[in-house]
C-alpha atoms as a PDB file:
ATOM      1  CA  MET A   1     -72.008 -33.525 -64.603  1.00  0.00           C
ATOM      2  CA  SER A   2     -74.417 -35.329 -61.565  1.00  0.00           C
ATOM      3  CA  LEU A   3     -73.839 -34.031 -57.624  1.00  0.00           C
ATOM      4  CA  PHE A   4     -72.441 -36.938 -56.504  1.00  0.00           C
ATOM      5  CA  ASP A   5     -69.709 -36.647 -59.523  1.00  0.00           C
ATOM      6  CA  LYS A   6     -69.404 -32.985 -58.357  1.00  0.00           C
ATOM      7  CA  ALA A   7     -68.907 -33.853 -54.500  1.00  0.00           C
ATOM      8  CA  LYS A   8     -65.918 -36.392 -55.838  1.00  0.00           C
ATOM      9  CA  GLU A   9     -64.095 -33.630 -57.988  1.00  0.00           C
ATOM     10  CA  ALA A  10     -64.797 -31.270 -54.988  1.00  0.00           C
ATOM     11  CA  LEU A  11     -63.480 -33.702 -52.427  1.00  0.00           C
ATOM     12  CA  GLY A  12     -60.352 -33.808 -55.357  1.00  0.00           C
ATOM     13  CA  GLN A  13     -59.401 -30.006 -55.534  1.00  0.00           C
ATOM     14  CA  HIS A  14     -60.139 -29.267 -51.105  1.00  0.00           C
ATOM     15  CA  PRO A  15     -59.129 -32.260 -49.057  1.00  0.00           C
ATOM     16  CA  ASP A  16     -57.488 -30.182 -46.001  1.00  0.00           C
ATOM     17  CA  GLN A  17     -60.561 -28.134 -46.272  1.00  0.00           C
ATOM     18  CA  ALA A  18     -63.007 -31.883 -45.854  1.00  0.00           C
ATOM     19  CA  ASP A  19     -60.462 -33.071 -43.507  1.00  0.00           C
ATOM     20  CA  GLN A  20     -61.024 -30.510 -41.526  1.00  0.00           C
ATOM     21  CA  GLY A  21     -65.123 -30.648 -42.035  1.00  0.00           C
ATOM     22  CA  ILE A  22     -64.907 -34.336 -40.614  1.00  0.00           C
ATOM     23  CA  ASP A  23     -62.374 -33.145 -37.264  1.00  0.00           C
ATOM     24  CA  LYS A  24     -65.306 -30.919 -36.564  1.00  0.00           C
ATOM     25  CA  ALA A  25     -68.389 -33.449 -36.832  1.00  0.00           C
ATOM     26  CA  ALA A  26     -65.782 -35.546 -34.784  1.00  0.00           C
ATOM     27  CA  ASP A  27     -65.628 -32.959 -32.220  1.00  0.00           C
ATOM     28  CA  ALA A  28     -69.160 -32.222 -32.353  1.00  0.00           C
ATOM     29  CA  ALA A  29     -69.776 -36.120 -31.560  1.00  0.00           C
ATOM     30  CA  LYS A  30     -66.829 -36.441 -28.597  1.00  0.00           C
ATOM     31  CA  GLY A  31     -68.652 -33.257 -26.940  1.00  0.00           C
ATOM     32  CA  LYS A  32     -71.670 -35.241 -26.350  1.00  0.00           C
ATOM     33  CA  TRP A  33     -70.407 -39.165 -26.008  1.00  0.00           C
ATOM     34  CA  GLY A  34     -66.925 -38.430 -25.003  1.00  0.00           C
ATOM     35  CA  GLU A  35     -66.877 -41.680 -23.647  1.00  0.00           C
ATOM     36  CA  HIS A  36     -66.597 -43.143 -27.339  1.00  0.00           C
ATOM     37  CA  GLY A  37     -64.329 -40.643 -28.235  1.00  0.00           C
ATOM     38  CA  ASP A  38     -61.364 -43.825 -29.507  1.00  0.00           C
ATOM     39  CA  GLN A  39     -64.475 -44.728 -31.300  1.00  0.00           C
ATOM     40  CA  ILE A  40     -65.072 -41.822 -33.002  1.00  0.00           C
ATOM     41  CA  ASP A  41     -61.839 -40.819 -33.858  1.00  0.00           C
ATOM     42  CA  LYS A  42     -61.237 -44.524 -35.256  1.00  0.00           C
ATOM     43  CA  ALA A  43     -64.584 -43.398 -37.471  1.00  0.00           C
ATOM     44  CA  ALA A  44     -63.381 -39.800 -38.526  1.00  0.00           C
ATOM     45  CA  GLN A  45     -59.886 -41.430 -40.026  1.00  0.00           C
ATOM     46  CA  LYS A  46     -61.797 -44.227 -41.530  1.00  0.00           C
ATOM     47  CA  ALA A  47     -64.195 -41.223 -43.080  1.00  0.00           C
ATOM     48  CA  LYS A  48     -60.852 -39.213 -44.403  1.00  0.00           C
ATOM     49  CA  ASP A  49     -59.410 -42.072 -45.615  1.00  0.00           C
ATOM     50  CA  PHE A  50     -62.842 -42.716 -48.054  1.00  0.00           C
ATOM     51  CA  SER A  51     -63.073 -39.124 -48.429  1.00  0.00           C
ATOM     52  CA  ARG A  52     -59.650 -39.218 -50.036  1.00  0.00           C
ATOM     53  CA  GLN A  53     -60.127 -41.829 -52.553  1.00  0.00           C
ATOM     54  CA  GLN A  54     -63.166 -40.740 -53.455  1.00  0.00           C
ATOM     55  CA  GLY A  55     -61.321 -37.499 -53.906  1.00  0.00           C
ATOM     56  CA  GLN A  56     -58.567 -38.805 -56.113  1.00  0.00           C
ATOM     57  CA  GLU A  57     -61.825 -41.019 -58.283  1.00  0.00           C
ATOM     58  CA  GLY A  58     -62.499 -36.937 -59.013  1.00  0.00           C
ATOM     59  CA  GLN A  59     -59.658 -36.250 -60.451  1.00  0.00           C
ATOM     60  CA  GLN A  60     -59.219 -38.432 -62.964  1.00  0.00           C
ATOM     61  CA  PRO A  61     -60.428 -37.792 -66.333  1.00  0.00           C
ATOM     62  CA  PRO A  62     -63.601 -39.118 -67.394  1.00  0.00           C
ATOM     63  CA  ALA A  63     -63.693 -42.398 -69.607  1.00  0.00           C
END
């Protein structure tokens, strides 16, 4: 199993922790570049959507 596959599996098993990590990164970015808060929030939401999608793929049995 490759590192990428392991990451997908971890996202599938712990989506809440992945979201928390994205939120922490977004908060740190807003602390440094607060004037771009709306853009940071949009990027964080897209990252959450992507991580959920990858996590769902990681939960599927291998073909």
